[in-house]
Amino acid sequence: MKAGARLALGGDLVAGSSSELTISIARDGEPVTTLEPYLGAFGHLVALREGDLAYLADRVSSWRSAG
């Protein structure tokens, strides 16, 4: 992320079930609305399991611009 950018993560993660997360990105206090896809998605998530570090990788399923 570029300097001055802030990322906010919303939603509740519950072990063993699906969860919806909301990610907001702002730069200099203004919403970033000019994202471009990387590897076919606007965002990627990697989650590691405590203990054995097994992982899950997923991509953003939908995109809604704040602007």
N, C-alpha and C. Protein backbone atom coordinates (compact mmCIF):
# COMPACT_ATOMS: atom_id res chain seq x y z
N MET A 1 0.83 -1.16 0.00
CA MET A 1 0.00 0.00 0.00
C MET A 1 0.88 1.24 0.00
N LYS A 2 0.40 2.29 -0.61
CA LYS A 2 1.16 3.54 -0.66
C LYS A 2 1.14 4.24 0.69
N ALA A 3 2.15 5.07 0.90
CA ALA A 3 2.22 5.85 2.14
C ALA A 3 0.96 6.70 2.28
N GLY A 4 0.48 6.83 3.51
CA GLY A 4 -0.71 7.63 3.77
C GLY A 4 -2.00 6.86 3.59
N ALA A 5 -1.93 5.61 3.16
CA ALA A 5 -3.15 4.80 2.96
C ALA A 5 -3.50 4.09 4.27
N ARG A 6 -4.80 3.93 4.51
CA ARG A 6 -5.29 3.21 5.69
C ARG A 6 -6.26 2.13 5.25
N LEU A 7 -6.15 0.98 5.88
CA LEU A 7 -7.02 -0.15 5.59
C LEU A 7 -7.82 -0.46 6.85
N ALA A 8 -9.14 -0.61 6.69
CA ALA A 8 -10.00 -0.99 7.82
C ALA A 8 -10.71 -2.28 7.47
N LEU A 9 -10.72 -3.21 8.42
CA LEU A 9 -11.35 -4.52 8.23
C LEU A 9 -12.55 -4.61 9.16
N GLY A 10 -13.72 -4.92 8.58
CA GLY A 10 -14.94 -5.06 9.37
C GLY A 10 -15.53 -6.44 9.21
N GLY A 11 -16.31 -6.86 10.17
CA GLY A 11 -16.94 -8.17 10.14
C GLY A 11 -16.48 -9.01 11.31
N ASP A 12 -17.19 -10.08 11.54
CA ASP A 12 -16.87 -10.97 12.66
C ASP A 12 -16.42 -12.33 12.12
N LEU A 13 -15.22 -12.73 12.50
CA LEU A 13 -14.72 -14.04 12.12
C LEU A 13 -15.13 -15.06 13.18
N VAL A 14 -15.70 -16.17 12.74
CA VAL A 14 -16.11 -17.23 13.65
C VAL A 14 -15.48 -18.52 13.14
N ALA A 15 -14.68 -19.15 13.98
CA ALA A 15 -14.00 -20.39 13.58
C ALA A 15 -15.01 -21.45 13.18
N GLY A 16 -14.75 -22.11 12.06
CA GLY A 16 -15.59 -23.21 11.60
C GLY A 16 -16.81 -22.80 10.80
N SER A 17 -16.95 -21.51 10.48
CA SER A 17 -18.11 -21.09 9.70
C SER A 17 -17.70 -20.00 8.71
N SER A 18 -18.56 -19.78 7.72
CA SER A 18 -18.31 -18.72 6.74
C SER A 18 -18.54 -17.37 7.39
N SER A 19 -17.76 -16.39 6.98
CA SER A 19 -17.88 -15.04 7.51
C SER A 19 -17.77 -14.05 6.37
N GLU A 20 -18.48 -12.94 6.48
CA GLU A 20 -18.38 -11.87 5.50
C GLU A 20 -17.52 -10.77 6.08
N LEU A 21 -16.50 -10.37 5.33
CA LEU A 21 -15.61 -9.30 5.76
C LEU A 21 -15.80 -8.10 4.85
N THR A 22 -15.63 -6.94 5.41
CA THR A 22 -15.67 -5.69 4.64
C THR A 22 -14.32 -5.01 4.80
N ILE A 23 -13.74 -4.64 3.67
CA ILE A 23 -12.45 -3.97 3.69
C ILE A 23 -12.63 -2.58 3.09
N SER A 24 -12.19 -1.57 3.83
CA SER A 24 -12.25 -0.19 3.34
C SER A 24 -10.84 0.34 3.25
N ILE A 25 -10.55 1.04 2.15
CA ILE A 25 -9.23 1.61 1.95
C ILE A 25 -9.40 3.11 1.74
N ALA A 26 -8.62 3.90 2.48
CA ALA A 26 -8.65 5.36 2.34
C ALA A 26 -7.23 5.88 2.21
N ARG A 27 -7.09 6.96 1.48
CA ARG A 27 -5.80 7.64 1.35
C ARG A 27 -6.04 9.11 1.63
N ASP A 28 -5.27 9.65 2.54
CA ASP A 28 -5.41 11.05 2.94
C ASP A 28 -6.85 11.36 3.35
N GLY A 29 -7.51 10.41 4.02
CA GLY A 29 -8.86 10.61 4.52
C GLY A 29 -9.97 10.42 3.51
N GLU A 30 -9.65 10.12 2.26
CA GLU A 30 -10.65 9.95 1.20
C GLU A 30 -10.70 8.49 0.77
N PRO A 31 -11.90 7.94 0.51
CA PRO A 31 -11.99 6.55 0.05
C PRO A 31 -11.24 6.33 -1.26
N VAL A 32 -10.55 5.21 -1.36
CA VAL A 32 -9.87 4.84 -2.60
C VAL A 32 -10.89 4.12 -3.48
N THR A 33 -11.14 4.64 -4.66
CA THR A 33 -12.15 4.06 -5.56
C THR A 33 -11.55 3.64 -6.89
N THR A 34 -10.24 3.62 -7.00
CA THR A 34 -9.57 3.34 -8.27
C THR A 34 -8.77 2.05 -8.22
N LEU A 35 -9.25 1.05 -7.50
CA LEU A 35 -8.54 -0.22 -7.44
C LEU A 35 -8.56 -0.92 -8.80
N GLU A 36 -7.50 -1.64 -9.08
CA GLU A 36 -7.42 -2.44 -10.30
C GLU A 36 -7.21 -3.89 -9.89
N PRO A 37 -7.79 -4.83 -10.64
CA PRO A 37 -7.62 -6.25 -10.29
C PRO A 37 -6.17 -6.70 -10.38
N TYR A 38 -5.81 -7.62 -9.50
CA TYR A 38 -4.51 -8.28 -9.51
C TYR A 38 -4.80 -9.78 -9.52
N LEU A 39 -4.30 -10.48 -10.50
CA LEU A 39 -4.57 -11.91 -10.68
C LEU A 39 -6.08 -12.19 -10.71
N GLY A 40 -6.82 -11.29 -11.33
CA GLY A 40 -8.25 -11.49 -11.54
C GLY A 40 -9.16 -11.11 -10.39
N ALA A 41 -8.63 -10.48 -9.35
CA ALA A 41 -9.48 -10.10 -8.21
C ALA A 41 -9.01 -8.77 -7.64
N PHE A 42 -9.93 -8.05 -7.00
CA PHE A 42 -9.61 -6.76 -6.39
C PHE A 42 -8.94 -6.92 -5.03
N GLY A 43 -9.00 -8.10 -4.45
CA GLY A 43 -8.35 -8.33 -3.17
C GLY A 43 -8.13 -9.80 -2.94
N HIS A 44 -7.17 -10.12 -2.12
CA HIS A 44 -6.82 -11.50 -1.80
C HIS A 44 -6.67 -11.62 -0.28
N LEU A 45 -7.05 -12.76 0.25
CA LEU A 45 -6.96 -13.00 1.68
C LEU A 45 -6.24 -14.32 1.91
N VAL A 46 -5.31 -14.32 2.83
CA VAL A 46 -4.65 -15.54 3.26
C VAL A 46 -4.83 -15.64 4.76
N ALA A 47 -5.37 -16.74 5.24
CA ALA A 47 -5.59 -16.97 6.67
C ALA A 47 -4.77 -18.17 7.10
N LEU A 48 -4.07 -18.04 8.22
CA LEU A 48 -3.25 -19.13 8.75
C LEU A 48 -3.89 -19.67 10.03
N ARG A 49 -3.87 -20.98 10.16
CA ARG A 49 -4.40 -21.61 11.36
C ARG A 49 -3.30 -21.69 12.41
N GLU A 50 -3.64 -21.29 13.63
CA GLU A 50 -2.68 -21.35 14.72
C GLU A 50 -2.30 -22.81 14.98
N GLY A 51 -1.08 -23.04 15.31
CA GLY A 51 -0.63 -24.39 15.62
C GLY A 51 0.18 -24.99 14.49
N ASP A 52 -0.51 -25.43 13.43
CA ASP A 52 0.20 -26.07 12.32
C ASP A 52 0.40 -25.16 11.12
N LEU A 53 -0.13 -23.94 11.18
CA LEU A 53 0.00 -22.94 10.11
C LEU A 53 -0.61 -23.39 8.79
N ALA A 54 -1.60 -24.29 8.84
CA ALA A 54 -2.35 -24.62 7.62
C ALA A 54 -2.98 -23.32 7.14
N TYR A 55 -3.18 -23.21 5.83
CA TYR A 55 -3.67 -21.93 5.32
C TYR A 55 -4.85 -22.08 4.37
N LEU A 56 -5.56 -20.99 4.23
CA LEU A 56 -6.66 -20.85 3.28
C LEU A 56 -6.39 -19.58 2.49
N ALA A 57 -6.47 -19.66 1.19
CA ALA A 57 -6.32 -18.48 0.35
C ALA A 57 -7.62 -18.28 -0.41
N ASP A 58 -8.09 -17.04 -0.46
CA ASP A 58 -9.35 -16.74 -1.13
C ASP A 58 -9.24 -15.38 -1.80
N ARG A 59 -10.19 -15.10 -2.70
CA ARG A 59 -10.23 -13.83 -3.40
C ARG A 59 -11.54 -13.11 -3.07
N VAL A 60 -11.55 -11.81 -3.31
CA VAL A 60 -12.76 -11.01 -3.09
C VAL A 60 -13.86 -11.52 -4.02
N SER A 61 -15.04 -11.76 -3.45
CA SER A 61 -16.15 -12.29 -4.27
C SER A 61 -17.00 -11.19 -4.89
N SER A 62 -16.93 -9.98 -4.35
CA SER A 62 -17.67 -8.87 -4.93
C SER A 62 -16.95 -7.57 -4.63
N TRP A 63 -17.27 -6.55 -5.43
CA TRP A 63 -16.61 -5.25 -5.29
C TRP A 63 -17.67 -4.17 -5.36
N ARG A 64 -17.64 -3.29 -4.39
CA ARG A 64 -18.57 -2.16 -4.40
C ARG A 64 -17.77 -0.92 -4.06
N SER A 65 -17.71 0.02 -4.97
CA SER A 65 -16.98 1.24 -4.76
C SER A 65 -17.73 2.16 -3.80
N ALA A 66 -16.99 2.81 -2.92
CA ALA A 66 -17.61 3.75 -1.99
C ALA A 66 -17.91 5.07 -2.68
N GLY A 67 -17.37 5.28 -3.88
CA GLY A 67 -17.52 6.58 -4.53
C GLY A 67 -18.59 6.62 -5.57
